[in-house]
Amino acid sequence: MSRLIETLRAYRTLNELLNQEIRKKGSSMQELERFRKTLDIAFYLLGWAQFEHQVKKQIQDVISEKARTRSVDRHAWSYLKQNVRSIPLRSQLDIVFHSNQAAQASLKKDYECRNELAHNNADLPRDAADLAMWLSHLQSLVDRF
């Protein structure tokens, strides 16, 4: 079982517990909503970090495979293999998902959202999809590697 699946299970459990507290109405609704926002952001960032780790493993596999070919391109792939750590994540995503334009577009938006959340103390955008669905979507992308 991947970490993304475990993260999804943990998120659903904690989200349901928070929903139960909200339904009790014994607690401050404002405080519970702040907890929900914090929970969503924390799990968004955790899910993204776990997805990023999977992408980095995949890019190493792709580059290693291409570097073993007997074509003239293998020299470029070998150079890339030696310098894989210097490749920005956005470029790694483009290499892994080069044949899936829809995934590239959604991941670009997710990456920008991740940066805002992690570096600018932003809130999760209102138009962000249901977090459980988003985590499932990331897992489905990993499953396609």
C-alpha atoms as a PDB file:
ATOM      1  CA  MET A   1       0.000   0.000   0.000  1.00  0.00           C
ATOM      2  CA  SER A   2       1.448   3.365  -0.961  1.00  0.00           C
ATOM      3  CA  ARG A   3       1.860   6.260   1.395  1.00  0.00           C
ATOM      4  CA  LEU A   4      -0.684   8.231  -0.631  1.00  0.00           C
ATOM      5  CA  ILE A   5      -3.347   5.617   0.104  1.00  0.00           C
ATOM      6  CA  GLU A   6      -2.475   5.687   3.814  1.00  0.00           C
ATOM      7  CA  THR A   7      -2.568   9.496   3.746  1.00  0.00           C
ATOM      8  CA  LEU A   8      -6.006   9.387   2.116  1.00  0.00           C
ATOM      9  CA  ARG A   9      -7.262   6.964   4.785  1.00  0.00           C
ATOM     10  CA  ALA A  10      -5.881   9.143   7.591  1.00  0.00           C
ATOM     11  CA  TYR A  11      -7.396  12.275   6.042  1.00  0.00           C
ATOM     12  CA  ARG A  12     -10.834  10.679   5.700  1.00  0.00           C
ATOM     13  CA  THR A  13     -10.733   9.473   9.321  1.00  0.00           C
ATOM     14  CA  LEU A  14      -9.664  12.833  10.754  1.00  0.00           C
ATOM     15  CA  ASN A  15     -12.091  14.704   8.520  1.00  0.00           C
ATOM     16  CA  GLU A  16     -14.960  12.525   9.739  1.00  0.00           C
ATOM     17  CA  LEU A  17     -13.966  13.117  13.372  1.00  0.00           C
ATOM     18  CA  LEU A  18     -13.937  16.852  12.707  1.00  0.00           C
ATOM     19  CA  ASN A  19     -17.373  16.599  11.049  1.00  0.00           C
ATOM     20  CA  GLN A  20     -18.684  14.812  14.143  1.00  0.00           C
ATOM     21  CA  GLU A  21     -17.392  17.630  16.363  1.00  0.00           C
ATOM     22  CA  ILE A  22     -19.017  20.204  14.114  1.00  0.00           C
ATOM     23  CA  ARG A  23     -22.343  18.329  14.273  1.00  0.00           C
ATOM     24  CA  LYS A  24     -22.190  18.312  18.091  1.00  0.00           C
ATOM     25  CA  LYS A  25     -22.157  22.126  18.000  1.00  0.00           C
ATOM     26  CA  GLY A  26     -20.689  22.149  21.478  1.00  0.00           C
ATOM     27  CA  SER A  27     -17.434  23.558  20.236  1.00  0.00           C
ATOM     28  CA  SER A  28     -16.702  26.892  18.678  1.00  0.00           C
ATOM     29  CA  MET A  29     -17.627  26.694  14.996  1.00  0.00           C
ATOM     30  CA  GLN A  30     -14.966  29.237  14.078  1.00  0.00           C
ATOM     31  CA  GLU A  31     -12.293  27.230  15.828  1.00  0.00           C
ATOM     32  CA  LEU A  32     -13.419  24.001  14.163  1.00  0.00           C
ATOM     33  CA  GLU A  33     -13.400  25.648  10.742  1.00  0.00           C
ATOM     34  CA  ARG A  34      -9.848  26.859  11.393  1.00  0.00           C
ATOM     35  CA  PHE A  35      -8.947  23.280  12.292  1.00  0.00           C
ATOM     36  CA  ARG A  36     -10.524  22.078   9.028  1.00  0.00           C
ATOM     37  CA  LYS A  37      -8.517  24.589   6.990  1.00  0.00           C
ATOM     38  CA  THR A  38      -5.337  23.557   8.777  1.00  0.00           C
ATOM     39  CA  LEU A  39      -6.133  19.868   8.306  1.00  0.00           C
ATOM     40  CA  ASP A  40      -6.787  20.365   4.581  1.00  0.00           C
ATOM     41  CA  ILE A  41      -3.577  22.335   4.056  1.00  0.00           C
ATOM     42  CA  ALA A  42      -1.491  19.859   6.038  1.00  0.00           C
ATOM     43  CA  PHE A  43      -2.813  16.894   4.085  1.00  0.00           C
ATOM     44  CA  TYR A  44      -2.501  18.742   0.775  1.00  0.00           C
ATOM     45  CA  LEU A  45       1.176  19.404   1.480  1.00  0.00           C
ATOM     46  CA  LEU A  46       1.759  15.886   2.786  1.00  0.00           C
ATOM     47  CA  GLY A  47       0.086  14.333  -0.245  1.00  0.00           C
ATOM     48  CA  TRP A  48       2.083  16.545  -2.603  1.00  0.00           C
ATOM     49  CA  ALA A  49       5.362  15.644  -0.849  1.00  0.00           C
ATOM     50  CA  GLN A  50       4.599  11.937  -1.143  1.00  0.00           C
ATOM     51  CA  PHE A  51       3.658  12.357  -4.806  1.00  0.00           C
ATOM     52  CA  GLU A  52       6.838  14.356  -5.439  1.00  0.00           C
ATOM     53  CA  HIS A  53       8.905  11.527  -3.959  1.00  0.00           C
ATOM     54  CA  GLN A  54       7.244   9.049  -6.325  1.00  0.00           C
ATOM     55  CA  VAL A  55       7.882  11.350  -9.304  1.00  0.00           C
ATOM     56  CA  LYS A  56      11.557  11.654  -8.379  1.00  0.00           C
ATOM     57  CA  LYS A  57      11.901   7.882  -8.169  1.00  0.00           C
ATOM     58  CA  GLN A  58      10.141   7.526 -11.518  1.00  0.00           C
ATOM     59  CA  ILE A  59      12.313  10.139 -13.221  1.00  0.00           C
ATOM     60  CA  GLN A  60      15.435   8.317 -12.063  1.00  0.00           C
ATOM     61  CA  ASP A  61      14.076   5.087 -13.568  1.00  0.00           C
ATOM     62  CA  VAL A  62      13.184   6.796 -16.864  1.00  0.00           C
ATOM     63  CA  ILE A  63      16.563   8.508 -17.153  1.00  0.00           C
ATOM     64  CA  SER A  64      18.480   5.347 -16.242  1.00  0.00           C
ATOM     65  CA  GLU A  65      16.586   3.357 -18.861  1.00  0.00           C
ATOM     66  CA  LYS A  66      17.164   5.983 -21.563  1.00  0.00           C
ATOM     67  CA  ALA A  67      20.873   6.246 -20.645  1.00  0.00           C
ATOM     68  CA  ARG A  68      21.272   2.531 -21.418  1.00  0.00           C
ATOM     69  CA  THR A  69      20.005   2.825 -24.980  1.00  0.00           C
ATOM     70  CA  ARG A  70      22.388   2.505 -27.904  1.00  0.00           C
ATOM     71  CA  SER A  71      21.283   5.694 -29.613  1.00  0.00           C
ATOM     72  CA  VAL A  72      23.103   8.991 -29.869  1.00  0.00           C
ATOM     73  CA  ASP A  73      20.630  10.369 -27.304  1.00  0.00           C
ATOM     74  CA  ARG A  74      22.082   8.148 -24.590  1.00  0.00           C
ATOM     75  CA  HIS A  75      24.877  10.678 -24.018  1.00  0.00           C
ATOM     76  CA  ALA A  76      22.343  13.373 -23.186  1.00  0.00           C
ATOM     77  CA  TRP A  77      20.445  10.964 -20.940  1.00  0.00           C
ATOM     78  CA  SER A  78      23.699   9.932 -19.230  1.00  0.00           C
ATOM     79  CA  TYR A  79      24.497  13.581 -18.555  1.00  0.00           C
ATOM     80  CA  LEU A  80      20.991  14.074 -17.216  1.00  0.00           C
ATOM     81  CA  LYS A  81      21.409  11.010 -14.998  1.00  0.00           C
ATOM     82  CA  GLN A  82      24.540  12.514 -13.443  1.00  0.00           C
ATOM     83  CA  ASN A  83      22.730  15.810 -12.851  1.00  0.00           C
ATOM     84  CA  VAL A  84      19.215  14.617 -12.003  1.00  0.00           C
ATOM     85  CA  ARG A  85      19.204  16.444  -8.661  1.00  0.00           C
ATOM     86  CA  SER A  86      19.588  19.769 -10.411  1.00  0.00           C
ATOM     87  CA  ILE A  87      16.480  19.268 -12.559  1.00  0.00           C
ATOM     88  CA  PRO A  88      13.609  21.389 -11.193  1.00  0.00           C
ATOM     89  CA  LEU A  89      10.522  19.423 -10.191  1.00  0.00           C
ATOM     90  CA  ARG A  90       8.432  21.185 -12.877  1.00  0.00           C
ATOM     91  CA  SER A  91      10.785  19.813 -15.540  1.00  0.00           C
ATOM     92  CA  GLN A  92      10.691  16.369 -13.962  1.00  0.00           C
ATOM     93  CA  LEU A  93       6.895  16.420 -14.115  1.00  0.00           C
ATOM     94  CA  ASP A  94       7.099  17.376 -17.804  1.00  0.00           C
ATOM     95  CA  ILE A  95       9.395  14.431 -18.519  1.00  0.00           C
ATOM     96  CA  VAL A  96       7.269  11.896 -16.642  1.00  0.00           C
ATOM     97  CA  PHE A  97       3.930  13.172 -17.985  1.00  0.00           C
ATOM     98  CA  HIS A  98       5.066  14.302 -21.450  1.00  0.00           C
ATOM     99  CA  SER A  99       2.354  12.254 -23.162  1.00  0.00           C
ATOM    100  CA  ASN A 100      -0.469  13.349 -20.844  1.00  0.00           C
ATOM    101  CA  GLN A 101      -1.220  17.032 -21.436  1.00  0.00           C
ATOM    102  CA  ALA A 102      -4.238  17.034 -19.102  1.00  0.00           C
ATOM    103  CA  ALA A 103      -2.151  15.677 -16.223  1.00  0.00           C
ATOM    104  CA  GLN A 104       0.573  18.233 -16.950  1.00  0.00           C
ATOM    105  CA  ALA A 105      -1.911  21.103 -16.819  1.00  0.00           C
ATOM    106  CA  SER A 106      -3.524  19.979 -13.572  1.00  0.00           C
ATOM    107  CA  LEU A 107      -0.147  19.280 -11.960  1.00  0.00           C
ATOM    108  CA  LYS A 108       1.093  22.728 -12.948  1.00  0.00           C
ATOM    109  CA  LYS A 109      -1.889  24.237 -11.122  1.00  0.00           C
ATOM    110  CA  ASP A 110      -1.352  21.913  -8.140  1.00  0.00           C
ATOM    111  CA  TYR A 111       2.348  22.807  -8.009  1.00  0.00           C
ATOM    112  CA  GLU A 112       1.554  26.519  -7.956  1.00  0.00           C
ATOM    113  CA  CYS A 113      -1.016  25.921  -5.211  1.00  0.00           C
ATOM    114  CA  ARG A 114       1.549  23.907  -3.250  1.00  0.00           C
ATOM    115  CA  ASN A 115       4.057  26.746  -3.489  1.00  0.00           C
ATOM    116  CA  GLU A 116       1.496  29.282  -2.268  1.00  0.00           C
ATOM    117  CA  LEU A 117       0.526  27.075   0.671  1.00  0.00           C
ATOM    118  CA  ALA A 118       4.082  26.167   1.650  1.00  0.00           C
ATOM    119  CA  HIS A 119       5.863  29.463   1.084  1.00  0.00           C
ATOM    120  CA  ASN A 120       3.273  32.226   1.281  1.00  0.00           C
ATOM    121  CA  ASN A 121       1.098  30.938   4.119  1.00  0.00           C
ATOM    122  CA  ALA A 122      -1.892  30.981   1.769  1.00  0.00           C
ATOM    123  CA  ASP A 123      -5.217  29.243   2.224  1.00  0.00           C
ATOM    124  CA  LEU A 124      -6.345  26.368   0.052  1.00  0.00           C
ATOM    125  CA  PRO A 125      -8.236  27.938  -2.863  1.00  0.00           C
ATOM    126  CA  ARG A 126     -12.013  27.727  -2.703  1.00  0.00           C
ATOM    127  CA  ASP A 127     -12.096  26.094  -6.120  1.00  0.00           C
ATOM    128  CA  ALA A 128      -9.733  23.328  -4.965  1.00  0.00           C
ATOM    129  CA  ALA A 129     -11.247  19.934  -5.493  1.00  0.00           C
ATOM    130  CA  ASP A 130     -12.342  17.725  -2.631  1.00  0.00           C
ATOM    131  CA  LEU A 131      -9.059  16.796  -0.964  1.00  0.00           C
ATOM    132  CA  ALA A 132      -9.917  13.096  -0.763  1.00  0.00           C
ATOM    133  CA  MET A 133     -10.601  13.091  -4.519  1.00  0.00           C
ATOM    134  CA  TRP A 134      -7.356  14.960  -5.149  1.00  0.00           C
ATOM    135  CA  LEU A 135      -5.316  12.444  -3.135  1.00  0.00           C
ATOM    136  CA  SER A 136      -7.002   9.615  -5.050  1.00  0.00           C
ATOM    137  CA  HIS A 137      -6.134  11.395  -8.305  1.00  0.00           C
ATOM    138  CA  LEU A 138      -2.462  11.639  -7.317  1.00  0.00           C
ATOM    139  CA  GLN A 139      -2.461   7.930  -6.511  1.00  0.00           C
ATOM    140  CA  SER A 140      -3.991   7.157  -9.915  1.00  0.00           C
ATOM    141  CA  LEU A 141      -1.170   9.120 -11.588  1.00  0.00           C
ATOM    142  CA  VAL A 142       1.408   7.144  -9.604  1.00  0.00           C
ATOM    143  CA  ASP A 143      -0.326   3.915 -10.614  1.00  0.00           C
ATOM    144  CA  ARG A 144       0.164   4.837 -14.290  1.00  0.00           C
ATOM    145  CA  PHE A 145       3.959   5.080 -14.014  1.00  0.00           C
END
